[in-house]
Amino acid sequence: MVSMPRASANGIEIEYDTFGDPSEAPLVLINGLGAQMVGWDEDFCRLLADRGFRVIRFDNRDCGLSTWPEAPYTLDDMAADTVGLLESLDIPAAHIVGASMGGFIAQLVALNHPERVLTLTSIMSGPNGEEHVQPTAEGRAVLFIPAPETPEQRIEVGIWAKKTLLGPADPFDEAYERERIERAVDRAYNPAGFVRQLQAIAAAPGRLERLRSLGVPTLVIHGAADVLVPVENGRNVATAIPGARLVEIEGMGHDVPKRVWTRVADEIAALARQAATAC
């Protein structure tokens, strides 16, 4: 396995890697519940780098090759991890992009540390708390399936979950998904960390009222067919944040499929241009 750089940040060790020219505008990708940084496909990262970003992806705490703490923590702690990573890299501020739980964290980075955020992109995410529209029964089943015991079972469960969450407009590429899931299972497997992250999500208060005061240029992207974080969540977040742009993608589920990579990268780049013009 290729060795990746590590940063000491916020009292933990964070595994990360980068794409693109170090002199370009920094863009941080925050992944979702139990998802390692390799869940951000390298080709997608390169698409962003080609649009003038220094792309940084990392393993959240309790996931992948970052520190696995045993004590409980909050989404605010995870937002502070992101800021700690920026500090360790001597980056004053960055474009912050989060998907699913990563969107919760990205919102909190913008709320708790606005000086660190050039733009915010919240993908297939929501506001947490009582304001959050809950998953469908199909989506909830993905969250609470018992942890499989063998590597082979872990791979099969991962494929089942990916199929369940995929949108109706997106064909399932089993060879591609199997290779990615096998890589993740071989790299790290931490079901206890998945549970602790889920507990942090469950304990997080709603943010809609706080989001109404957010002054960061914001993009909200959501699949219209999302069964895990229904699209109403993205709509509510976009409505709450002043000036936010909502991009709702028909046929997309709880995933960022290949067919939308170029569109998503273009939207993020346009937001960055808009923010730079406004300065």
C-alpha atoms as a PDB file:
ATOM      1  CA  MET A   1       0.000   0.000   0.000  1.00  0.00           C
ATOM      2  CA  VAL A   2       1.290   3.471  -0.869  1.00  0.00           C
ATOM      3  CA  SER A   3       2.158   5.455   2.249  1.00  0.00           C
ATOM      4  CA  MET A   4       0.101   8.630   2.641  1.00  0.00           C
ATOM      5  CA  PRO A   5       1.030  11.705   4.675  1.00  0.00           C
ATOM      6  CA  ARG A   6      -0.334  12.122   8.202  1.00  0.00           C
ATOM      7  CA  ALA A   7      -1.053  15.276  10.162  1.00  0.00           C
ATOM      8  CA  SER A   8      -1.234  15.816  13.913  1.00  0.00           C
ATOM      9  CA  ALA A   9      -4.390  17.866  14.384  1.00  0.00           C
ATOM     10  CA  ASN A  10      -6.872  18.501  17.200  1.00  0.00           C
ATOM     11  CA  GLY A  11      -5.269  15.834  19.384  1.00  0.00           C
ATOM     12  CA  ILE A  12      -5.433  13.034  16.784  1.00  0.00           C
ATOM     13  CA  GLU A  13      -3.524  11.764  13.749  1.00  0.00           C
ATOM     14  CA  ILE A  14      -5.231  12.352  10.391  1.00  0.00           C
ATOM     15  CA  GLU A  15      -4.391  10.413   7.236  1.00  0.00           C
ATOM     16  CA  TYR A  16      -4.726  12.540   4.088  1.00  0.00           C
ATOM     17  CA  ASP A  17      -3.537  12.974   0.541  1.00  0.00           C
ATOM     18  CA  THR A  18      -3.635  15.696  -2.080  1.00  0.00           C
ATOM     19  CA  PHE A  19      -4.157  16.237  -5.807  1.00  0.00           C
ATOM     20  CA  GLY A  20      -3.195  19.179  -7.971  1.00  0.00           C
ATOM     21  CA  ASP A  21      -0.829  22.109  -7.787  1.00  0.00           C
ATOM     22  CA  PRO A  22      -0.016  23.131  -4.171  1.00  0.00           C
ATOM     23  CA  SER A  23      -0.169  26.774  -5.239  1.00  0.00           C
ATOM     24  CA  GLU A  24      -3.841  26.524  -6.268  1.00  0.00           C
ATOM     25  CA  ALA A  25      -6.842  27.298  -4.057  1.00  0.00           C
ATOM     26  CA  PRO A  26      -7.227  24.571  -1.392  1.00  0.00           C
ATOM     27  CA  LEU A  27     -10.365  22.426  -1.462  1.00  0.00           C
ATOM     28  CA  VAL A  28     -11.101  19.930   1.313  1.00  0.00           C
ATOM     29  CA  LEU A  29     -13.310  16.865   0.752  1.00  0.00           C
ATOM     30  CA  ILE A  30     -15.079  15.481   3.856  1.00  0.00           C
ATOM     31  CA  ASN A  31     -16.643  12.050   3.501  1.00  0.00           C
ATOM     32  CA  GLY A  32     -19.672  10.484   5.137  1.00  0.00           C
ATOM     33  CA  LEU A  33     -20.563   7.943   7.791  1.00  0.00           C
ATOM     34  CA  GLY A  34     -17.970   5.172   7.929  1.00  0.00           C
ATOM     35  CA  ALA A  35     -16.589   6.240   4.531  1.00  0.00           C
ATOM     36  CA  GLN A  36     -12.834   6.433   4.047  1.00  0.00           C
ATOM     37  CA  MET A  37     -11.100   9.107   2.033  1.00  0.00           C
ATOM     38  CA  VAL A  38     -10.635   6.620  -0.813  1.00  0.00           C
ATOM     39  CA  GLY A  39     -14.417   6.854  -1.241  1.00  0.00           C
ATOM     40  CA  TRP A  40     -13.656  10.100  -3.074  1.00  0.00           C
ATOM     41  CA  ASP A  41     -12.622   8.554  -6.389  1.00  0.00           C
ATOM     42  CA  GLU A  42      -9.198   9.652  -7.613  1.00  0.00           C
ATOM     43  CA  ASP A  43     -10.610  10.556 -11.024  1.00  0.00           C
ATOM     44  CA  PHE A  44     -13.180  12.837  -9.385  1.00  0.00           C
ATOM     45  CA  CYS A  45     -10.410  14.444  -7.331  1.00  0.00           C
ATOM     46  CA  ARG A  46      -8.453  15.035 -10.536  1.00  0.00           C
ATOM     47  CA  LEU A  47     -11.487  16.624 -12.169  1.00  0.00           C
ATOM     48  CA  LEU A  48     -11.519  19.145  -9.345  1.00  0.00           C
ATOM     49  CA  ALA A  49      -7.754  19.636  -9.532  1.00  0.00           C
ATOM     50  CA  ASP A  50      -8.073  20.319 -13.270  1.00  0.00           C
ATOM     51  CA  ARG A  51     -10.419  23.190 -12.382  1.00  0.00           C
ATOM     52  CA  GLY A  52      -7.766  25.005 -10.392  1.00  0.00           C
ATOM     53  CA  PHE A  53      -7.914  23.446  -6.923  1.00  0.00           C
ATOM     54  CA  ARG A  54      -5.433  21.832  -4.610  1.00  0.00           C
ATOM     55  CA  VAL A  55      -7.657  18.954  -3.518  1.00  0.00           C
ATOM     56  CA  ILE A  56      -7.230  17.468  -0.036  1.00  0.00           C
ATOM     57  CA  ARG A  57      -9.100  14.333   1.036  1.00  0.00           C
ATOM     58  CA  PHE A  58      -8.696  12.708   4.444  1.00  0.00           C
ATOM     59  CA  ASP A  59      -9.944   9.988   6.750  1.00  0.00           C
ATOM     60  CA  ASN A  60     -12.305  11.267   9.423  1.00  0.00           C
ATOM     61  CA  ARG A  61     -11.511  10.276  12.979  1.00  0.00           C
ATOM     62  CA  ASP A  62     -12.629   6.717  13.756  1.00  0.00           C
ATOM     63  CA  CYS A  63     -12.327   5.731  10.106  1.00  0.00           C
ATOM     64  CA  GLY A  64      -9.673   4.520   7.713  1.00  0.00           C
ATOM     65  CA  LEU A  65      -6.111   5.148   8.881  1.00  0.00           C
ATOM     66  CA  SER A  66      -6.810   8.160  11.096  1.00  0.00           C
ATOM     67  CA  THR A  67      -6.971   7.785  14.895  1.00  0.00           C
ATOM     68  CA  TRP A  68      -9.727   5.528  16.256  1.00  0.00           C
ATOM     69  CA  PRO A  69     -10.666   7.126  19.598  1.00  0.00           C
ATOM     70  CA  GLU A  70     -12.721   5.035  21.997  1.00  0.00           C
ATOM     71  CA  ALA A  71     -14.309   7.956  23.834  1.00  0.00           C
ATOM     72  CA  PRO A  72     -17.493   9.544  22.445  1.00  0.00           C
ATOM     73  CA  TYR A  73     -17.185  12.721  20.394  1.00  0.00           C
ATOM     74  CA  THR A  74     -19.410  15.182  18.536  1.00  0.00           C
ATOM     75  CA  LEU A  75     -19.785  16.441  14.995  1.00  0.00           C
ATOM     76  CA  ASP A  76     -18.323  19.713  16.304  1.00  0.00           C
ATOM     77  CA  ASP A  77     -15.189  17.765  17.257  1.00  0.00           C
ATOM     78  CA  MET A  78     -15.053  16.407  13.716  1.00  0.00           C
ATOM     79  CA  ALA A  79     -15.407  19.933  12.321  1.00  0.00           C
ATOM     80  CA  ALA A  80     -12.505  20.967  14.547  1.00  0.00           C
ATOM     81  CA  ASP A  81     -10.497  18.061  13.087  1.00  0.00           C
ATOM     82  CA  THR A  82     -10.949  19.596   9.628  1.00  0.00           C
ATOM     83  CA  VAL A  83      -9.757  22.968  10.880  1.00  0.00           C
ATOM     84  CA  GLY A  84      -6.838  21.289  12.638  1.00  0.00           C
ATOM     85  CA  LEU A  85      -5.829  19.649   9.370  1.00  0.00           C
ATOM     86  CA  LEU A  86      -5.870  23.054   7.656  1.00  0.00           C
ATOM     87  CA  GLU A  87      -3.728  24.480  10.441  1.00  0.00           C
ATOM     88  CA  SER A  88      -1.227  21.651  10.142  1.00  0.00           C
ATOM     89  CA  LEU A  89      -0.929  22.357   6.409  1.00  0.00           C
ATOM     90  CA  ASP A  90      -0.581  26.123   6.971  1.00  0.00           C
ATOM     91  CA  ILE A  91      -3.787  26.793   5.032  1.00  0.00           C
ATOM     92  CA  PRO A  92      -5.650  29.858   6.330  1.00  0.00           C
ATOM     93  CA  ALA A  93      -8.940  29.055   4.551  1.00  0.00           C
ATOM     94  CA  ALA A  94     -10.271  26.558   2.015  1.00  0.00           C
ATOM     95  CA  HIS A  95     -13.241  25.590  -0.088  1.00  0.00           C
ATOM     96  CA  ILE A  96     -15.040  23.020   2.059  1.00  0.00           C
ATOM     97  CA  VAL A  97     -16.996  20.189   0.386  1.00  0.00           C
ATOM     98  CA  GLY A  98     -18.828  17.547   2.415  1.00  0.00           C
ATOM     99  CA  ALA A  99     -21.033  14.614   1.452  1.00  0.00           C
ATOM    100  CA  SER A 100     -23.697  13.072   3.721  1.00  0.00           C
ATOM    101  CA  MET A 101     -22.261  13.164   7.286  1.00  0.00           C
ATOM    102  CA  GLY A 102     -19.410  15.093   5.689  1.00  0.00           C
ATOM    103  CA  GLY A 103     -21.990  17.731   4.764  1.00  0.00           C
ATOM    104  CA  PHE A 104     -23.058  17.975   8.408  1.00  0.00           C
ATOM    105  CA  ILE A 105     -19.413  18.475   9.334  1.00  0.00           C
ATOM    106  CA  ALA A 106     -18.808  20.969   6.513  1.00  0.00           C
ATOM    107  CA  GLN A 107     -21.777  23.058   7.684  1.00  0.00           C
ATOM    108  CA  LEU A 108     -20.315  23.086  11.197  1.00  0.00           C
ATOM    109  CA  VAL A 109     -16.908  24.139   9.899  1.00  0.00           C
ATOM    110  CA  ALA A 110     -18.640  27.099   8.238  1.00  0.00           C
ATOM    111  CA  LEU A 111     -20.708  27.912  11.345  1.00  0.00           C
ATOM    112  CA  ASN A 112     -18.013  27.411  13.979  1.00  0.00           C
ATOM    113  CA  HIS A 113     -14.977  28.572  11.996  1.00  0.00           C
ATOM    114  CA  PRO A 114     -16.271  30.889   9.225  1.00  0.00           C
ATOM    115  CA  GLU A 115     -12.876  32.539   8.797  1.00  0.00           C
ATOM    116  CA  ARG A 116     -11.560  29.188   7.572  1.00  0.00           C
ATOM    117  CA  VAL A 117     -14.142  28.761   4.805  1.00  0.00           C
ATOM    118  CA  LEU A 118     -13.956  30.299   1.325  1.00  0.00           C
ATOM    119  CA  THR A 119     -17.068  28.449   0.092  1.00  0.00           C
ATOM    120  CA  LEU A 120     -19.290  25.653   1.389  1.00  0.00           C
ATOM    121  CA  THR A 121     -20.651  22.787  -0.708  1.00  0.00           C
ATOM    122  CA  SER A 122     -23.088  20.468   1.075  1.00  0.00           C
ATOM    123  CA  ILE A 123     -23.841  17.289  -0.894  1.00  0.00           C
ATOM    124  CA  MET A 124     -26.702  14.872  -0.058  1.00  0.00           C
ATOM    125  CA  SER A 125     -26.772  16.229   3.466  1.00  0.00           C
ATOM    126  CA  GLY A 126     -29.162  17.905   5.880  1.00  0.00           C
ATOM    127  CA  PRO A 127     -29.679  19.943   9.074  1.00  0.00           C
ATOM    128  CA  ASN A 128     -29.627  17.202  11.784  1.00  0.00           C
ATOM    129  CA  GLY A 129     -31.860  17.165  14.861  1.00  0.00           C
ATOM    130  CA  GLU A 130     -35.645  17.354  14.843  1.00  0.00           C
ATOM    131  CA  GLU A 131     -35.450  19.396  11.643  1.00  0.00           C
ATOM    132  CA  HIS A 132     -33.957  16.476   9.734  1.00  0.00           C
ATOM    133  CA  VAL A 133     -36.267  14.491   7.427  1.00  0.00           C
ATOM    134  CA  GLN A 134     -35.616  10.859   8.327  1.00  0.00           C
ATOM    135  CA  PRO A 135     -34.577   8.044   5.953  1.00  0.00           C
ATOM    136  CA  THR A 136     -37.115   5.814   4.288  1.00  0.00           C
ATOM    137  CA  ALA A 137     -37.366   2.246   5.604  1.00  0.00           C
ATOM    138  CA  GLU A 138     -35.079   1.192   2.769  1.00  0.00           C
ATOM    139  CA  GLY A 139     -32.485   3.781   3.704  1.00  0.00           C
ATOM    140  CA  ARG A 140     -32.702   3.020   7.423  1.00  0.00           C
ATOM    141  CA  ALA A 141     -31.978  -0.661   6.739  1.00  0.00           C
ATOM    142  CA  VAL A 142     -28.527   0.327   5.458  1.00  0.00           C
ATOM    143  CA  LEU A 143     -27.697   2.071   8.741  1.00  0.00           C
ATOM    144  CA  PHE A 144     -28.648  -0.748  11.050  1.00  0.00           C
ATOM    145  CA  ILE A 145     -27.564  -3.944   9.327  1.00  0.00           C
ATOM    146  CA  PRO A 146     -25.424  -6.019  11.744  1.00  0.00           C
ATOM    147  CA  ALA A 147     -21.673  -5.816  11.209  1.00  0.00           C
ATOM    148  CA  PRO A 148     -20.564  -8.731   8.999  1.00  0.00           C
ATOM    149  CA  GLU A 149     -17.948 -11.075  10.444  1.00  0.00           C
ATOM    150  CA  THR A 150     -15.715 -11.975   7.490  1.00  0.00           C
ATOM    151  CA  PRO A 151     -14.035  -9.898   4.780  1.00  0.00           C
ATOM    152  CA  GLU A 152     -16.147 -11.654   2.143  1.00  0.00           C
ATOM    153  CA  GLN A 153     -19.359 -10.790   3.994  1.00  0.00           C
ATOM    154  CA  ARG A 154     -18.195  -7.200   4.422  1.00  0.00           C
ATOM    155  CA  ILE A 155     -17.719  -6.886   0.677  1.00  0.00           C
ATOM    156  CA  GLU A 156     -21.138  -8.368  -0.089  1.00  0.00           C
ATOM    157  CA  VAL A 157     -22.844  -6.089   2.438  1.00  0.00           C
ATOM    158  CA  GLY A 158     -21.039  -3.112   0.923  1.00  0.00           C
ATOM    159  CA  ILE A 159     -22.288  -4.038  -2.548  1.00  0.00           C
ATOM    160  CA  TRP A 160     -25.838  -4.511  -1.247  1.00  0.00           C
ATOM    161  CA  ALA A 161     -25.727  -1.101   0.468  1.00  0.00           C
ATOM    162  CA  LYS A 162     -24.385   0.598  -2.659  1.00  0.00           C
ATOM    163  CA  LYS A 163     -27.161  -0.943  -4.772  1.00  0.00           C
ATOM    164  CA  THR A 164     -29.805   0.046  -2.220  1.00  0.00           C
ATOM    165  CA  LEU A 165     -28.712   3.686  -2.141  1.00  0.00           C
ATOM    166  CA  LEU A 166     -28.083   4.113  -5.862  1.00  0.00           C
ATOM    167  CA  GLY A 167     -30.554   6.265  -7.762  1.00  0.00           C
ATOM    168  CA  PRO A 168     -32.806   4.870 -10.493  1.00  0.00           C
ATOM    169  CA  ALA A 169     -30.988   6.831 -13.208  1.00  0.00           C
ATOM    170  CA  ASP A 170     -27.623   5.322 -12.346  1.00  0.00           C
ATOM    171  CA  PRO A 171     -26.691   1.855 -13.640  1.00  0.00           C
ATOM    172  CA  PHE A 172     -24.846  -0.353 -11.163  1.00  0.00           C
ATOM    173  CA  ASP A 173     -21.286  -1.101 -12.260  1.00  0.00           C
ATOM    174  CA  GLU A 174     -20.563  -4.147 -10.101  1.00  0.00           C
ATOM    175  CA  ALA A 175     -16.934  -4.596 -11.153  1.00  0.00           C
ATOM    176  CA  TYR A 176     -16.124  -0.957 -10.368  1.00  0.00           C
ATOM    177  CA  GLU A 177     -17.969  -0.956  -7.040  1.00  0.00           C
ATOM    178  CA  ARG A 178     -16.571  -4.329  -5.963  1.00  0.00           C
ATOM    179  CA  GLU A 179     -12.998  -3.164  -6.564  1.00  0.00           C
ATOM    180  CA  ARG A 180     -13.614  -0.015  -4.513  1.00  0.00           C
ATOM    181  CA  ILE A 181     -15.277  -1.879  -1.648  1.00  0.00           C
ATOM    182  CA  GLU A 182     -12.553  -4.536  -1.575  1.00  0.00           C
ATOM    183  CA  ARG A 183      -9.955  -1.783  -1.394  1.00  0.00           C
ATOM    184  CA  ALA A 184     -11.736  -0.119   1.526  1.00  0.00           C
ATOM    185  CA  VAL A 185     -12.198  -3.407   3.421  1.00  0.00           C
ATOM    186  CA  ASP A 186      -8.527  -4.315   2.939  1.00  0.00           C
ATOM    187  CA  ARG A 187      -7.400  -0.832   3.976  1.00  0.00           C
ATOM    188  CA  ALA A 188      -9.305  -0.565   7.266  1.00  0.00           C
ATOM    189  CA  TYR A 189     -12.423  -1.938   8.934  1.00  0.00           C
ATOM    190  CA  ASN A 190     -13.806  -0.317  12.074  1.00  0.00           C
ATOM    191  CA  PRO A 191     -17.468  -1.132  12.845  1.00  0.00           C
ATOM    192  CA  ALA A 192     -17.154   0.378  16.343  1.00  0.00           C
ATOM    193  CA  GLY A 193     -16.120   3.656  14.720  1.00  0.00           C
ATOM    194  CA  PHE A 194     -19.186   3.506  12.456  1.00  0.00           C
ATOM    195  CA  VAL A 195     -21.368   3.234  15.578  1.00  0.00           C
ATOM    196  CA  ARG A 196     -19.610   6.124  17.336  1.00  0.00           C
ATOM    197  CA  GLN A 197     -19.988   8.316  14.244  1.00  0.00           C
ATOM    198  CA  LEU A 198     -23.664   7.369  14.054  1.00  0.00           C
ATOM    199  CA  GLN A 199     -24.063   8.318  17.725  1.00  0.00           C
ATOM    200  CA  ALA A 200     -22.453  11.692  17.014  1.00  0.00           C
ATOM    201  CA  ILE A 201     -24.980  12.253  14.222  1.00  0.00           C
ATOM    202  CA  ALA A 202     -27.904  11.248  16.461  1.00  0.00           C
ATOM    203  CA  ALA A 203     -26.746  13.599  19.242  1.00  0.00           C
ATOM    204  CA  ALA A 204     -26.271  16.640  16.976  1.00  0.00           C
ATOM    205  CA  PRO A 205     -28.836  19.421  17.424  1.00  0.00           C
ATOM    206  CA  GLY A 206     -30.641  20.924  14.455  1.00  0.00           C
ATOM    207  CA  ARG A 207     -28.861  23.712  12.605  1.00  0.00           C
ATOM    208  CA  LEU A 208     -31.494  25.441  10.479  1.00  0.00           C
ATOM    209  CA  GLU A 209     -31.739  28.534  12.686  1.00  0.00           C
ATOM    210  CA  ARG A 210     -27.958  28.880  12.858  1.00  0.00           C
ATOM    211  CA  LEU A 211     -27.672  28.400   9.091  1.00  0.00           C
ATOM    212  CA  ARG A 212     -29.896  31.449   8.534  1.00  0.00           C
ATOM    213  CA  SER A 213     -27.027  33.640   9.717  1.00  0.00           C
ATOM    214  CA  LEU A 214     -24.358  31.985   7.555  1.00  0.00           C
ATOM    215  CA  GLY A 215     -22.528  34.403   5.285  1.00  0.00           C
ATOM    216  CA  VAL A 216     -20.413  31.888   3.354  1.00  0.00           C
ATOM    217  CA  PRO A 217     -21.102  31.381  -0.402  1.00  0.00           C
ATOM    218  CA  THR A 218     -22.912  28.046  -0.481  1.00  0.00           C
ATOM    219  CA  LEU A 219     -23.864  25.317  -2.937  1.00  0.00           C
ATOM    220  CA  VAL A 220     -26.287  22.526  -1.990  1.00  0.00           C
ATOM    221  CA  ILE A 221     -26.353  19.415  -4.202  1.00  0.00           C
ATOM    222  CA  HIS A 222     -28.882  16.636  -3.667  1.00  0.00           C
ATOM    223  CA  GLY A 223     -30.275  13.646  -5.488  1.00  0.00           C
ATOM    224  CA  ALA A 224     -34.032  13.710  -5.952  1.00  0.00           C
ATOM    225  CA  ALA A 225     -34.196   9.947  -5.268  1.00  0.00           C
ATOM    226  CA  ASP A 226     -32.157   9.837  -2.041  1.00  0.00           C
ATOM    227  CA  VAL A 227     -33.632   7.271   0.400  1.00  0.00           C
ATOM    228  CA  LEU A 228     -31.040   7.790   3.163  1.00  0.00           C
ATOM    229  CA  VAL A 229     -31.103  11.596   3.380  1.00  0.00           C
ATOM    230  CA  PRO A 230     -34.314  12.530   1.550  1.00  0.00           C
ATOM    231  CA  VAL A 231     -34.120  15.504  -0.792  1.00  0.00           C
ATOM    232  CA  GLU A 232     -36.278  17.655   1.498  1.00  0.00           C
ATOM    233  CA  ASN A 233     -33.198  17.948   3.717  1.00  0.00           C
ATOM    234  CA  GLY A 234     -31.159  19.577   0.983  1.00  0.00           C
ATOM    235  CA  ARG A 235     -34.038  21.869   0.099  1.00  0.00           C
ATOM    236  CA  ASN A 236     -34.382  22.967   3.731  1.00  0.00           C
ATOM    237  CA  VAL A 237     -30.660  23.646   4.085  1.00  0.00           C
ATOM    238  CA  ALA A 238     -30.583  25.656   0.845  1.00  0.00           C
ATOM    239  CA  THR A 239     -33.637  27.664   1.895  1.00  0.00           C
ATOM    240  CA  ALA A 240     -32.079  28.479   5.272  1.00  0.00           C
ATOM    241  CA  ILE A 241     -28.692  29.716   4.013  1.00  0.00           C
ATOM    242  CA  PRO A 242     -28.883  33.205   2.495  1.00  0.00           C
ATOM    243  CA  GLY A 243     -28.057  33.150  -1.206  1.00  0.00           C
ATOM    244  CA  ALA A 244     -27.409  29.398  -1.373  1.00  0.00           C
ATOM    245  CA  ARG A 245     -27.751  27.701  -4.749  1.00  0.00           C
ATOM    246  CA  LEU A 246     -29.644  24.401  -4.830  1.00  0.00           C
ATOM    247  CA  VAL A 247     -28.792  21.840  -7.510  1.00  0.00           C
ATOM    248  CA  GLU A 248     -31.288  18.984  -7.419  1.00  0.00           C
ATOM    249  CA  ILE A 249     -30.373  16.054  -9.664  1.00  0.00           C
ATOM    250  CA  GLU A 250     -33.127  13.813 -10.987  1.00  0.00           C
ATOM    251  CA  GLY A 251     -32.599  10.092 -10.631  1.00  0.00           C
ATOM    252  CA  MET A 252     -29.651  10.467  -8.250  1.00  0.00           C
ATOM    253  CA  GLY A 253     -29.775   8.628  -4.946  1.00  0.00           C
ATOM    254  CA  HIS A 254     -27.416   8.731  -1.969  1.00  0.00           C
ATOM    255  CA  ASP A 255     -24.287   8.694  -4.061  1.00  0.00           C
ATOM    256  CA  VAL A 256     -22.220  10.914  -6.339  1.00  0.00           C
ATOM    257  CA  PRO A 257     -22.248   8.700  -9.455  1.00  0.00           C
ATOM    258  CA  LYS A 258     -19.861   9.025 -12.373  1.00  0.00           C
ATOM    259  CA  ARG A 259     -22.495  10.568 -14.615  1.00  0.00           C
ATOM    260  CA  VAL A 260     -22.630  13.710 -12.442  1.00  0.00           C
ATOM    261  CA  TRP A 261     -18.926  14.135 -11.665  1.00  0.00           C
ATOM    262  CA  THR A 262     -18.311  16.744 -14.351  1.00  0.00           C
ATOM    263  CA  ARG A 263     -21.450  18.664 -13.442  1.00  0.00           C
ATOM    264  CA  VAL A 264     -20.608  18.639  -9.724  1.00  0.00           C
ATOM    265  CA  ALA A 265     -17.015  19.716 -10.370  1.00  0.00           C
ATOM    266  CA  ASP A 266     -18.219  22.513 -12.657  1.00  0.00           C
ATOM    267  CA  GLU A 267     -20.731  23.723 -10.047  1.00  0.00           C
ATOM    268  CA  ILE A 268     -18.070  23.799  -7.313  1.00  0.00           C
ATOM    269  CA  ALA A 269     -15.679  25.682  -9.614  1.00  0.00           C
ATOM    270  CA  ALA A 270     -18.413  28.187 -10.512  1.00  0.00           C
ATOM    271  CA  LEU A 271     -19.097  28.803  -6.826  1.00  0.00           C
ATOM    272  CA  ALA A 272     -15.407  29.453  -6.240  1.00  0.00           C
ATOM    273  CA  ARG A 273     -15.310  31.930  -9.127  1.00  0.00           C
ATOM    274  CA  GLN A 274     -18.399  33.665  -7.780  1.00  0.00           C
ATOM    275  CA  ALA A 275     -16.830  33.971  -4.326  1.00  0.00           C
ATOM    276  CA  ALA A 276     -13.571  35.315  -5.766  1.00  0.00           C
ATOM    277  CA  THR A 277     -15.449  37.932  -7.811  1.00  0.00           C
ATOM    278  CA  ALA A 278     -17.401  39.038  -4.752  1.00  0.00           C
ATOM    279  CA  CYS A 279     -14.256  39.648  -2.713  1.00  0.00           C
END
